[in-house]
């Protein structure tokens, strides 16, 4: 989930719900699907939804690099 305090300047949406795959070994991600909304945290009107199938590389110092670090370094606790 992505949420902004002000609407995205280019597309005019306030929040987005995304499903992404991460390829930790190659430093890339694939956006499987996304939906964008006029309201905060998935509320309001559904403005658009789309599916993508291409892989993109994660740039250093980006929000996606922080997410990728978390996802790729995640170690599940046994028994949970």
C-alpha atoms as a PDB file:
ATOM      1  CA  UNK A   1       0.000   0.000   0.000  1.00  0.00           C
ATOM      2  CA  UNK A   2       1.261   3.441  -0.910  1.00  0.00           C
ATOM      3  CA  UNK A   3      -0.397   6.549   0.497  1.00  0.00           C
ATOM      4  CA  UNK A   4       0.331  10.217  -0.028  1.00  0.00           C
ATOM      5  CA  UNK A   5      -0.644  13.326   1.946  1.00  0.00           C
ATOM      6  CA  UNK A   6      -1.296  15.155  -1.326  1.00  0.00           C
ATOM      7  CA  UNK A   7      -2.525  13.604  -4.588  1.00  0.00           C
ATOM      8  CA  UNK A   8       0.155  12.375  -6.973  1.00  0.00           C
ATOM      9  CA  UNK A   9       0.872  15.382  -9.225  1.00  0.00           C
ATOM     10  CA  UNK A  10       1.004  13.469 -12.484  1.00  0.00           C
ATOM     11  CA  UNK A  11      -1.829  10.971 -12.052  1.00  0.00           C
ATOM     12  CA  UNK A  12      -3.989  12.609  -9.319  1.00  0.00           C
ATOM     13  CA  UNK A  13      -4.344   9.533  -7.096  1.00  0.00           C
ATOM     14  CA  UNK A  14      -3.909   9.533  -3.321  1.00  0.00           C
ATOM     15  CA  UNK A  15      -3.177   5.855  -2.650  1.00  0.00           C
ATOM     16  CA  UNK A  16      -2.235   2.640  -4.436  1.00  0.00           C
ATOM     17  CA  UNK A  17      -2.434  -1.046  -3.564  1.00  0.00           C
ATOM     18  CA  UNK A  18       0.255  -3.107  -5.301  1.00  0.00           C
ATOM     19  CA  UNK A  19       1.392  -6.717  -5.522  1.00  0.00           C
ATOM     20  CA  UNK A  20       5.105  -6.966  -6.342  1.00  0.00           C
ATOM     21  CA  UNK A  21       7.551  -9.845  -6.768  1.00  0.00           C
ATOM     22  CA  UNK A  22      11.186  -9.331  -5.795  1.00  0.00           C
ATOM     23  CA  UNK A  23      14.151 -11.117  -7.379  1.00  0.00           C
ATOM     24  CA  UNK A  24      16.671 -10.674  -4.575  1.00  0.00           C
ATOM     25  CA  UNK A  25      19.567 -12.319  -6.401  1.00  0.00           C
ATOM     26  CA  UNK A  26      19.337  -9.987  -9.390  1.00  0.00           C
ATOM     27  CA  UNK A  27      18.156  -6.780  -7.676  1.00  0.00           C
ATOM     28  CA  UNK A  28      14.917  -6.417  -9.598  1.00  0.00           C
ATOM     29  CA  UNK A  29      11.166  -6.422  -9.056  1.00  0.00           C
ATOM     30  CA  UNK A  30       8.021  -7.108 -11.019  1.00  0.00           C
ATOM     31  CA  UNK A  31       4.743  -5.303 -10.362  1.00  0.00           C
ATOM     32  CA  UNK A  32       2.134  -8.043 -10.754  1.00  0.00           C
ATOM     33  CA  UNK A  33      -0.901  -5.811 -10.250  1.00  0.00           C
ATOM     34  CA  UNK A  34      -1.830  -2.376  -8.944  1.00  0.00           C
ATOM     35  CA  UNK A  35      -4.976  -0.411  -8.179  1.00  0.00           C
ATOM     36  CA  UNK A  36      -5.020   3.343  -7.568  1.00  0.00           C
ATOM     37  CA  UNK A  37      -7.614   5.213  -5.521  1.00  0.00           C
ATOM     38  CA  UNK A  38      -8.833   8.777  -5.073  1.00  0.00           C
ATOM     39  CA  UNK A  39      -8.848   8.435  -1.258  1.00  0.00           C
ATOM     40  CA  UNK A  40      -6.317   7.622   1.406  1.00  0.00           C
ATOM     41  CA  UNK A  41      -5.263   4.002   2.063  1.00  0.00           C
ATOM     42  CA  UNK A  42      -7.403   2.405  -0.642  1.00  0.00           C
ATOM     43  CA  UNK A  43     -10.547   4.398   0.065  1.00  0.00           C
ATOM     44  CA  UNK A  44     -12.564   6.539  -2.295  1.00  0.00           C
ATOM     45  CA  UNK A  45     -13.093   5.906  -5.966  1.00  0.00           C
ATOM     46  CA  UNK A  46     -11.081   3.247  -7.814  1.00  0.00           C
ATOM     47  CA  UNK A  47      -9.368   5.327 -10.500  1.00  0.00           C
ATOM     48  CA  UNK A  48      -7.504   2.606 -12.379  1.00  0.00           C
ATOM     49  CA  UNK A  49      -6.113  -0.894 -12.098  1.00  0.00           C
ATOM     50  CA  UNK A  50      -3.510  -2.626 -14.189  1.00  0.00           C
ATOM     51  CA  UNK A  51      -1.238  -5.649 -14.506  1.00  0.00           C
ATOM     52  CA  UNK A  52       2.367  -5.597 -15.609  1.00  0.00           C
ATOM     53  CA  UNK A  53       4.695  -8.392 -16.529  1.00  0.00           C
ATOM     54  CA  UNK A  54       8.088  -6.753 -17.081  1.00  0.00           C
ATOM     55  CA  UNK A  55      10.943  -6.800 -14.603  1.00  0.00           C
ATOM     56  CA  UNK A  56      12.543  -3.510 -13.531  1.00  0.00           C
ATOM     57  CA  UNK A  57      15.796  -3.018 -11.678  1.00  0.00           C
ATOM     58  CA  UNK A  58      15.652  -1.367  -8.271  1.00  0.00           C
ATOM     59  CA  UNK A  59      17.587   1.896  -8.155  1.00  0.00           C
ATOM     60  CA  UNK A  60      19.783   2.621  -5.132  1.00  0.00           C
ATOM     61  CA  UNK A  61      18.385   5.076  -2.594  1.00  0.00           C
ATOM     62  CA  UNK A  62      14.777   4.630  -3.738  1.00  0.00           C
ATOM     63  CA  UNK A  63      11.739   3.594  -1.715  1.00  0.00           C
ATOM     64  CA  UNK A  64      11.819   0.263  -3.586  1.00  0.00           C
ATOM     65  CA  UNK A  65      15.434  -0.294  -2.488  1.00  0.00           C
ATOM     66  CA  UNK A  66      14.305   0.031   1.147  1.00  0.00           C
ATOM     67  CA  UNK A  67      11.449  -2.421   0.560  1.00  0.00           C
ATOM     68  CA  UNK A  68      13.746  -4.833  -1.267  1.00  0.00           C
ATOM     69  CA  UNK A  69      16.275  -4.745   1.571  1.00  0.00           C
ATOM     70  CA  UNK A  70      13.510  -5.611   4.027  1.00  0.00           C
ATOM     71  CA  UNK A  71      12.046  -8.373   1.823  1.00  0.00           C
ATOM     72  CA  UNK A  72      15.381  -9.937   0.885  1.00  0.00           C
ATOM     73  CA  UNK A  73      16.822  -9.821   4.425  1.00  0.00           C
ATOM     74  CA  UNK A  74      13.625 -11.134   6.041  1.00  0.00           C
ATOM     75  CA  UNK A  75      14.076 -14.299   8.073  1.00  0.00           C
ATOM     76  CA  UNK A  76      10.853 -15.949   9.302  1.00  0.00           C
ATOM     77  CA  UNK A  77      10.708 -16.996  12.929  1.00  0.00           C
ATOM     78  CA  UNK A  78      10.443 -20.813  13.165  1.00  0.00           C
ATOM     79  CA  UNK A  79       7.072 -22.003  14.413  1.00  0.00           C
ATOM     80  CA  UNK A  80       5.209 -18.804  13.512  1.00  0.00           C
END
